[in-house]
Amino acid sequence: MKCNVGQRYNKFPSDNEICNSIRNIAHENGLSKDAADVICKVYRYMMDKKLAGGCHAISSVLYVVLKEVGEKPQLCIGECQKRGLPPFDHSWVTLNGKIVDLAIYLPLDMRKGECGGPVVSGVDVISMGKPSIDYGITTGLPFDWNTSTVIKVPFNEYISEFPDEKDGLWTVIENALPSSRNFDIAAMKEKYKDVKRVVVR
């Protein structure tokens, strides 16, 4: 994910404060407690790993965990733009027609928050307003190599081959789901083998 100079915050909330805001926004938008919980767990994973520029990975994990707790997310990929600045390739999730985008908080090669705060149900969790990013714009520019590759690679392959995790992103997905669940990687691979990213333009 590439993002240029954007909004800067004078002081960042703690991760606990951000998760509290995520839960409140989720509740106000009719999402289940389980949905709020998995969003918070994915957020904490991203922050613990300092996963800057990890939009394709984070959105993939969010898509699966939200599906697993009974929600109906859509996995999106396309171009975005901070108003008045150059566009960039990006991945995000929509849920009930509203943006869920944690990775925008940690853009590649920039300080956290310069493209805005985490977005849940179309709300910037830090500013509590609309995101300053326009999602799914059309510029006519080609996708960069990384984005083009993510679109072409089968979803299961992308999840399974993610580096630095024992079983790729399946490990992250398992840890984000409620602990009471019986997690079977083989069954999950079969269940999600036909997932396609929706190119939004």
Protein backbone atom coordinates (compact mmCIF):
# COMPACT_ATOMS: atom_id res chain seq x y z
CA MET A 1 0.00 0.00 0.00
CA LYS A 2 1.38 3.40 -0.94
CA CYS A 3 0.08 6.53 0.65
CA ASN A 4 1.34 10.08 0.56
CA VAL A 5 1.26 12.87 3.11
CA GLY A 6 -2.05 13.03 4.87
CA GLN A 7 -3.70 13.83 8.14
CA ARG A 8 -1.49 13.84 11.21
CA TYR A 9 -2.72 13.44 14.76
CA ASN A 10 -1.16 15.40 17.60
CA LYS A 11 -1.66 12.47 19.96
CA PHE A 12 -2.54 8.86 19.24
CA PRO A 13 -5.05 6.99 21.39
CA SER A 14 -3.79 3.83 23.04
CA ASP A 15 -4.61 0.50 21.42
CA ASN A 16 -7.07 -0.14 24.27
CA GLU A 17 -8.83 3.16 23.53
CA ILE A 18 -8.97 2.34 19.83
CA CYS A 19 -10.44 -1.09 20.54
CA ASN A 20 -13.05 0.48 22.82
CA SER A 21 -13.99 2.83 19.98
CA ILE A 22 -14.11 -0.09 17.54
CA ARG A 23 -16.54 -1.91 19.85
CA ASN A 24 -18.74 1.17 20.29
CA ILE A 25 -18.89 1.87 16.56
CA ALA A 26 -19.59 -1.79 15.80
CA HIS A 27 -22.42 -1.85 18.33
CA GLU A 28 -23.92 1.38 16.98
CA ASN A 29 -23.92 -0.15 13.49
CA GLY A 30 -25.62 -3.38 14.49
CA LEU A 31 -22.58 -5.65 14.37
CA SER A 32 -22.37 -8.57 16.77
CA LYS A 33 -20.07 -8.70 19.78
CA ASP A 34 -18.15 -11.48 18.03
CA ALA A 35 -17.64 -9.23 15.00
CA ALA A 36 -16.28 -6.43 17.18
CA ASP A 37 -14.03 -8.91 19.00
CA VAL A 38 -12.45 -10.30 15.83
CA ILE A 39 -11.91 -6.82 14.39
CA CYS A 40 -10.09 -5.84 17.61
CA LYS A 41 -7.96 -8.99 17.54
CA VAL A 42 -6.91 -8.36 13.94
CA TYR A 43 -6.13 -4.74 14.83
CA ARG A 44 -3.94 -5.85 17.75
CA TYR A 45 -2.13 -8.37 15.54
CA MET A 46 -1.38 -5.64 13.00
CA MET A 47 -0.06 -3.30 15.69
CA ASP A 48 1.94 -5.99 17.52
CA LYS A 49 3.62 -7.02 14.26
CA LYS A 50 3.99 -3.40 13.09
CA LEU A 51 2.59 -4.61 9.79
CA ALA A 52 2.99 -1.42 7.77
CA GLY A 53 1.63 -1.64 4.25
CA GLY A 54 -0.16 -4.89 5.09
CA CYS A 55 -3.53 -4.02 3.55
CA HIS A 56 -3.82 -7.12 1.37
CA ALA A 57 -3.06 -9.43 4.31
CA ILE A 58 -5.16 -7.61 6.92
CA SER A 59 -8.20 -7.35 4.63
CA SER A 60 -7.92 -11.06 3.79
CA VAL A 61 -7.90 -12.00 7.47
CA LEU A 62 -10.79 -9.65 8.24
CA TYR A 63 -12.82 -11.15 5.42
CA VAL A 64 -12.47 -14.71 6.74
CA VAL A 65 -12.97 -13.96 10.44
CA LEU A 66 -16.03 -11.80 9.79
CA LYS A 67 -17.51 -14.58 7.63
CA GLU A 68 -16.80 -17.09 10.38
CA VAL A 69 -18.75 -15.07 12.98
CA GLY A 70 -21.79 -14.83 10.74
CA GLU A 71 -21.28 -11.51 8.95
CA LYS A 72 -21.37 -10.97 5.17
CA PRO A 73 -18.24 -9.00 4.24
CA GLN A 74 -16.98 -8.27 0.75
CA LEU A 75 -13.24 -8.36 0.04
CA CYS A 76 -12.27 -5.38 -2.12
CA ILE A 77 -9.18 -4.23 -3.96
CA GLY A 78 -8.68 -1.12 -6.04
CA GLU A 79 -7.40 2.41 -6.04
CA CYS A 80 -7.85 4.93 -3.25
CA GLN A 81 -6.87 8.52 -2.77
CA LYS A 82 -6.36 10.98 0.03
CA ARG A 83 -8.15 14.03 -1.23
CA GLY A 84 -5.84 16.29 -3.19
CA LEU A 85 -2.95 13.79 -3.20
CA PRO A 86 -1.79 11.02 -5.60
CA PRO A 87 -3.80 7.75 -5.70
CA PHE A 88 -2.54 4.42 -4.36
CA ASP A 89 -3.47 0.74 -4.64
CA HIS A 90 -5.20 -0.70 -1.60
CA SER A 91 -7.32 -3.54 -0.17
CA TRP A 92 -10.21 -3.22 2.27
CA VAL A 93 -13.43 -4.92 3.35
CA THR A 94 -16.98 -3.69 3.15
CA LEU A 95 -19.60 -4.84 5.62
CA ASN A 96 -23.24 -3.89 5.21
CA GLY A 97 -22.09 -1.51 2.51
CA LYS A 98 -19.65 0.33 4.82
CA ILE A 99 -15.85 0.36 4.82
CA VAL A 100 -13.80 -1.66 7.32
CA ASP A 101 -10.13 -0.81 6.86
CA LEU A 102 -7.62 -1.27 9.65
CA ALA A 103 -4.47 -1.20 7.51
CA ILE A 104 -4.93 2.42 6.43
CA TYR A 105 -3.60 3.32 9.90
CA LEU A 106 -0.15 1.84 9.09
CA PRO A 107 0.73 2.92 5.53
CA LEU A 108 3.90 1.72 3.85
CA ASP A 109 6.99 3.88 4.35
CA MET A 110 5.14 6.44 6.42
CA ARG A 111 4.30 7.16 10.03
CA LYS A 112 1.15 5.66 11.40
CA GLY A 113 -1.98 7.73 11.05
CA GLU A 114 -0.80 9.85 8.13
CA CYS A 115 -3.55 8.40 5.93
CA GLY A 116 -6.11 8.44 8.76
CA GLY A 117 -7.17 6.21 11.61
CA PRO A 118 -8.55 2.66 11.39
CA VAL A 119 -11.95 2.65 9.71
CA VAL A 120 -14.89 0.61 11.03
CA SER A 121 -18.39 0.82 9.54
CA GLY A 122 -17.32 3.86 7.54
CA VAL A 123 -16.07 5.79 10.59
CA ASP A 124 -12.47 6.88 11.25
CA VAL A 125 -11.98 5.44 14.73
CA ILE A 126 -9.67 8.26 15.82
CA SER A 127 -11.39 11.33 14.38
CA MET A 128 -14.88 9.77 14.72
CA GLY A 129 -15.71 11.33 11.35
CA LYS A 130 -15.73 10.18 7.76
CA PRO A 131 -12.46 8.75 6.42
CA SER A 132 -10.34 11.20 4.45
CA ILE A 133 -9.73 8.47 1.87
CA ASP A 134 -11.87 8.00 -1.24
CA TYR A 135 -12.23 4.27 -1.92
CA GLY A 136 -12.55 2.57 -5.31
CA ILE A 137 -11.70 5.52 -7.50
CA THR A 138 -10.89 5.15 -11.22
CA THR A 139 -7.73 6.83 -12.50
CA GLY A 140 -6.95 4.70 -15.55
CA LEU A 141 -3.51 3.92 -14.10
CA PRO A 142 -2.40 0.25 -14.03
CA PHE A 143 -2.15 -1.56 -10.71
CA ASP A 144 1.35 -1.94 -9.34
CA TRP A 145 3.11 -5.32 -9.52
CA ASN A 146 2.20 -6.34 -5.97
CA THR A 147 -1.50 -5.57 -6.38
CA SER A 148 -1.66 -7.30 -9.77
CA THR A 149 -0.06 -10.38 -8.22
CA VAL A 150 -2.49 -10.43 -5.26
CA ILE A 151 -5.44 -10.28 -7.66
CA LYS A 152 -4.12 -13.20 -9.71
CA VAL A 153 -2.97 -15.50 -6.89
CA PRO A 154 -5.66 -17.93 -5.62
CA PHE A 155 -6.95 -16.80 -2.23
CA ASN A 156 -5.93 -20.00 -0.41
CA GLU A 157 -2.42 -19.78 -1.84
CA TYR A 158 -2.06 -16.18 -0.71
CA ILE A 159 -3.28 -17.03 2.82
CA SER A 160 -1.15 -20.17 3.11
CA GLU A 161 2.10 -18.68 1.84
CA PHE A 162 2.14 -15.52 3.93
CA PRO A 163 5.62 -15.38 5.56
CA ASP A 164 6.62 -15.36 9.23
CA GLU A 165 3.65 -17.43 10.44
CA LYS A 166 3.64 -21.20 10.96
CA ASP A 167 0.63 -21.81 8.71
CA GLY A 168 0.55 -18.48 6.93
CA LEU A 169 -2.40 -16.25 7.71
CA TRP A 170 -4.45 -19.28 8.80
CA THR A 171 -2.60 -18.97 12.13
CA VAL A 172 -3.67 -15.33 12.43
CA ILE A 173 -7.25 -16.25 11.53
CA GLU A 174 -7.33 -19.03 14.14
CA ASN A 175 -6.03 -16.70 16.86
CA ALA A 176 -8.55 -13.98 15.96
CA LEU A 177 -11.59 -16.27 16.15
CA PRO A 178 -13.40 -17.07 19.42
CA SER A 179 -11.33 -19.59 21.40
CA SER A 180 -14.29 -21.95 21.69
CA ARG A 181 -14.16 -22.75 17.96
CA ASN A 182 -12.71 -25.99 16.64
CA PHE A 183 -10.30 -24.81 13.93
CA ASP A 184 -9.48 -27.16 11.05
CA ILE A 185 -7.10 -25.65 8.49
CA ALA A 186 -7.89 -28.27 5.82
CA ALA A 187 -11.60 -27.57 6.16
CA MET A 188 -11.01 -23.82 6.05
CA LYS A 189 -8.91 -24.12 2.89
CA GLU A 190 -11.72 -26.04 1.23
CA LYS A 191 -14.36 -23.60 2.43
CA TYR A 192 -12.55 -20.53 1.11
CA LYS A 193 -10.93 -21.96 -2.03
CA ASP A 194 -13.20 -20.03 -4.41
CA VAL A 195 -12.95 -16.58 -2.81
CA LYS A 196 -12.35 -13.81 -5.34
CA ARG A 197 -11.29 -10.27 -4.55
CA VAL A 198 -13.74 -7.72 -5.92
CA VAL A 199 -11.94 -5.15 -8.04
CA VAL A 200 -13.65 -1.83 -7.27
CA ARG A 201 -13.24 0.89 -9.88
